[in-house]
Amino acid sequence: MSARHHTERPCAAHGWTSYRYASRYGHIMIGATSTLDALNEVDRSLTRGSATVDRLEIWNALTGLYEKVKE
């Protein structure tokens, strides 16, 4: 059994929530306190345009998977 890629696992430090954003070149991994905070962090990483919630996913610790952020 092979290990999952780092974009398929949570990345945030204890006390933060793991998010990932589907960017043009792959996922941007984010640790944030809220969805708004995550979008602000993504904006800092993007070179073109603004972050949109439809491309943001949040880690679900119960299922062990990322899922779309509910608007």
N, C-alpha and C. Protein backbone atom coordinates (compact mmCIF):
# COMPACT_ATOMS: atom_id res chain seq x y z
N MET A 1 0.85 -1.18 0.00
CA MET A 1 0.00 0.00 0.00
C MET A 1 0.89 1.25 0.00
N SER A 2 0.60 2.17 -0.89
CA SER A 2 1.42 3.37 -0.97
C SER A 2 0.79 4.50 -0.15
N ALA A 3 1.65 5.40 0.29
CA ALA A 3 1.18 6.55 1.08
C ALA A 3 0.44 7.52 0.17
N ARG A 4 -0.55 8.19 0.73
CA ARG A 4 -1.30 9.19 -0.05
C ARG A 4 -0.44 10.44 -0.25
N HIS A 5 -0.66 11.09 -1.37
CA HIS A 5 0.04 12.32 -1.69
C HIS A 5 -0.30 13.38 -0.64
N HIS A 6 0.60 14.31 -0.39
CA HIS A 6 0.37 15.31 0.66
C HIS A 6 -0.87 16.17 0.40
N THR A 7 -1.31 16.28 -0.85
CA THR A 7 -2.52 17.07 -1.13
C THR A 7 -3.79 16.29 -0.80
N GLU A 8 -3.65 15.03 -0.42
CA GLU A 8 -4.80 14.21 -0.04
C GLU A 8 -4.89 14.02 1.48
N ARG A 9 -4.07 14.76 2.22
CA ARG A 9 -4.06 14.67 3.68
C ARG A 9 -4.21 16.06 4.29
N PRO A 10 -4.60 16.14 5.56
CA PRO A 10 -4.70 17.46 6.20
C PRO A 10 -3.31 18.07 6.38
N CYS A 11 -3.23 19.40 6.35
CA CYS A 11 -1.92 20.05 6.44
C CYS A 11 -1.82 21.06 7.58
N ALA A 12 -2.93 21.38 8.19
CA ALA A 12 -2.94 22.46 9.18
C ALA A 12 -2.37 22.01 10.52
N ALA A 13 -1.79 22.96 11.22
CA ALA A 13 -1.30 22.72 12.58
C ALA A 13 -2.49 22.55 13.52
N HIS A 14 -2.23 21.97 14.67
CA HIS A 14 -3.27 21.74 15.67
C HIS A 14 -4.02 23.04 15.98
N GLY A 15 -5.34 22.97 16.00
CA GLY A 15 -6.16 24.13 16.30
C GLY A 15 -6.62 24.90 15.07
N TRP A 16 -6.09 24.56 13.91
CA TRP A 16 -6.50 25.20 12.66
C TRP A 16 -7.23 24.17 11.81
N THR A 17 -7.89 24.62 10.78
CA THR A 17 -8.60 23.73 9.86
C THR A 17 -7.84 23.65 8.55
N SER A 18 -7.76 22.45 7.98
CA SER A 18 -7.08 22.26 6.70
C SER A 18 -8.04 22.53 5.54
N TYR A 19 -7.56 23.32 4.62
CA TYR A 19 -8.27 23.62 3.39
C TYR A 19 -7.32 23.37 2.23
N ARG A 20 -7.89 23.17 1.04
CA ARG A 20 -7.08 23.17 -0.17
C ARG A 20 -7.88 23.88 -1.26
N TYR A 21 -7.14 24.53 -2.13
CA TYR A 21 -7.74 25.32 -3.19
C TYR A 21 -7.23 24.81 -4.53
N ALA A 22 -8.15 24.50 -5.43
CA ALA A 22 -7.77 24.01 -6.77
C ALA A 22 -7.35 25.19 -7.63
N SER A 23 -6.04 25.37 -7.74
CA SER A 23 -5.52 26.47 -8.55
C SER A 23 -5.20 25.98 -9.95
N ARG A 24 -4.72 26.85 -10.73
CA ARG A 24 -4.39 26.57 -12.12
C ARG A 24 -3.31 25.48 -12.26
N TYR A 25 -2.39 25.41 -11.31
CA TYR A 25 -1.26 24.49 -11.41
C TYR A 25 -1.27 23.37 -10.38
N GLY A 26 -2.34 23.24 -9.63
CA GLY A 26 -2.43 22.21 -8.60
C GLY A 26 -3.08 22.78 -7.36
N HIS A 27 -3.06 22.01 -6.29
CA HIS A 27 -3.70 22.45 -5.06
C HIS A 27 -2.79 23.36 -4.24
N ILE A 28 -3.40 24.39 -3.67
CA ILE A 28 -2.74 25.24 -2.68
C ILE A 28 -3.25 24.76 -1.34
N MET A 29 -2.34 24.33 -0.48
CA MET A 29 -2.70 23.79 0.83
C MET A 29 -2.68 24.93 1.85
N ILE A 30 -3.73 24.99 2.69
CA ILE A 30 -3.91 26.11 3.60
C ILE A 30 -4.33 25.61 4.98
N GLY A 31 -3.80 26.24 6.00
CA GLY A 31 -4.29 26.08 7.36
C GLY A 31 -4.92 27.40 7.75
N ALA A 32 -6.19 27.39 8.15
CA ALA A 32 -6.89 28.64 8.42
C ALA A 32 -7.89 28.46 9.56
N THR A 33 -8.37 29.59 10.07
CA THR A 33 -9.33 29.56 11.17
C THR A 33 -10.77 29.57 10.68
N SER A 34 -10.99 29.97 9.41
CA SER A 34 -12.34 30.03 8.86
C SER A 34 -12.25 29.99 7.33
N THR A 35 -13.39 29.85 6.70
CA THR A 35 -13.43 29.86 5.23
C THR A 35 -12.94 31.20 4.69
N LEU A 36 -13.36 32.28 5.30
CA LEU A 36 -12.92 33.61 4.86
C LEU A 36 -11.41 33.76 5.01
N ASP A 37 -10.88 33.30 6.12
CA ASP A 37 -9.44 33.33 6.35
C ASP A 37 -8.71 32.50 5.28
N ALA A 38 -9.26 31.34 4.93
CA ALA A 38 -8.65 30.50 3.90
C ALA A 38 -8.64 31.21 2.55
N LEU A 39 -9.74 31.85 2.19
CA LEU A 39 -9.80 32.58 0.92
C LEU A 39 -8.79 33.73 0.90
N ASN A 40 -8.63 34.39 2.02
CA ASN A 40 -7.63 35.47 2.10
C ASN A 40 -6.22 34.92 1.90
N GLU A 41 -5.93 33.77 2.48
CA GLU A 41 -4.62 33.14 2.31
C GLU A 41 -4.39 32.71 0.87
N VAL A 42 -5.42 32.19 0.24
CA VAL A 42 -5.30 31.79 -1.17
C VAL A 42 -5.00 33.01 -2.02
N ASP A 43 -5.69 34.12 -1.77
CA ASP A 43 -5.45 35.35 -2.53
C ASP A 43 -3.98 35.76 -2.50
N ARG A 44 -3.33 35.50 -1.39
CA ARG A 44 -1.91 35.85 -1.27
C ARG A 44 -1.04 34.97 -2.17
N SER A 45 -1.53 33.77 -2.50
CA SER A 45 -0.76 32.84 -3.33
C SER A 45 -1.05 32.93 -4.82
N LEU A 46 -2.18 33.51 -5.18
CA LEU A 46 -2.56 33.59 -6.59
C LEU A 46 -1.83 34.73 -7.29
N THR A 47 -1.46 34.49 -8.52
CA THR A 47 -0.81 35.54 -9.31
C THR A 47 -1.80 36.26 -10.21
N ARG A 48 -2.97 35.67 -10.41
CA ARG A 48 -3.97 36.25 -11.31
C ARG A 48 -5.36 35.97 -10.74
N GLY A 49 -6.21 36.98 -10.71
CA GLY A 49 -7.58 36.80 -10.26
C GLY A 49 -7.70 36.71 -8.75
N SER A 50 -8.91 36.49 -8.30
CA SER A 50 -9.20 36.37 -6.87
C SER A 50 -9.72 34.98 -6.55
N ALA A 51 -9.53 34.56 -5.33
CA ALA A 51 -10.00 33.25 -4.89
C ALA A 51 -11.52 33.22 -4.84
N THR A 52 -12.09 32.09 -5.22
CA THR A 52 -13.54 31.90 -5.16
C THR A 52 -13.86 30.66 -4.34
N VAL A 53 -14.94 30.71 -3.62
CA VAL A 53 -15.29 29.63 -2.70
C VAL A 53 -15.62 28.32 -3.44
N ASP A 54 -16.03 28.39 -4.69
CA ASP A 54 -16.38 27.17 -5.43
C ASP A 54 -15.17 26.27 -5.70
N ARG A 55 -13.96 26.79 -5.55
CA ARG A 55 -12.75 25.99 -5.78
C ARG A 55 -12.07 25.60 -4.47
N LEU A 56 -12.70 25.91 -3.35
CA LEU A 56 -12.14 25.65 -2.02
C LEU A 56 -12.73 24.38 -1.43
N GLU A 57 -11.87 23.56 -0.82
CA GLU A 57 -12.31 22.34 -0.15
C GLU A 57 -11.81 22.35 1.29
N ILE A 58 -12.56 21.70 2.16
CA ILE A 58 -12.24 21.63 3.59
C ILE A 58 -12.05 20.16 3.98
N TRP A 59 -11.13 19.92 4.90
CA TRP A 59 -10.86 18.57 5.38
C TRP A 59 -11.98 18.11 6.31
N ASN A 60 -12.50 16.92 6.05
CA ASN A 60 -13.52 16.32 6.91
C ASN A 60 -12.83 15.20 7.69
N ALA A 61 -12.60 15.40 8.97
CA ALA A 61 -11.88 14.43 9.79
C ALA A 61 -12.67 13.14 9.97
N LEU A 62 -13.97 13.19 9.85
CA LEU A 62 -14.79 11.97 10.02
C LEU A 62 -14.64 11.02 8.83
N THR A 63 -14.57 11.56 7.63
CA THR A 63 -14.43 10.72 6.44
C THR A 63 -12.98 10.56 5.99
N GLY A 64 -12.12 11.45 6.44
CA GLY A 64 -10.72 11.42 6.02
C GLY A 64 -10.53 11.89 4.59
N LEU A 65 -11.42 12.78 4.14
CA LEU A 65 -11.37 13.28 2.77
C LEU A 65 -11.65 14.78 2.75
N TYR A 66 -11.21 15.42 1.67
CA TYR A 66 -11.58 16.82 1.46
C TYR A 66 -12.95 16.85 0.80
N GLU A 67 -13.74 17.88 1.12
CA GLU A 67 -15.05 18.05 0.49
C GLU A 67 -15.26 19.52 0.19
N LYS A 68 -16.14 19.79 -0.76
CA LYS A 68 -16.42 21.18 -1.14
C LYS A 68 -16.92 21.97 0.05
N VAL A 69 -16.49 23.21 0.15
CA VAL A 69 -16.99 24.11 1.20
C VAL A 69 -18.43 24.45 0.88
N LYS A 70 -19.28 24.34 1.88
CA LYS A 70 -20.68 24.72 1.70
C LYS A 70 -20.80 26.23 1.86
N GLU A 71 -21.32 26.87 0.85
CA GLU A 71 -21.41 28.35 0.85
C GLU A 71 -22.42 28.85 1.85
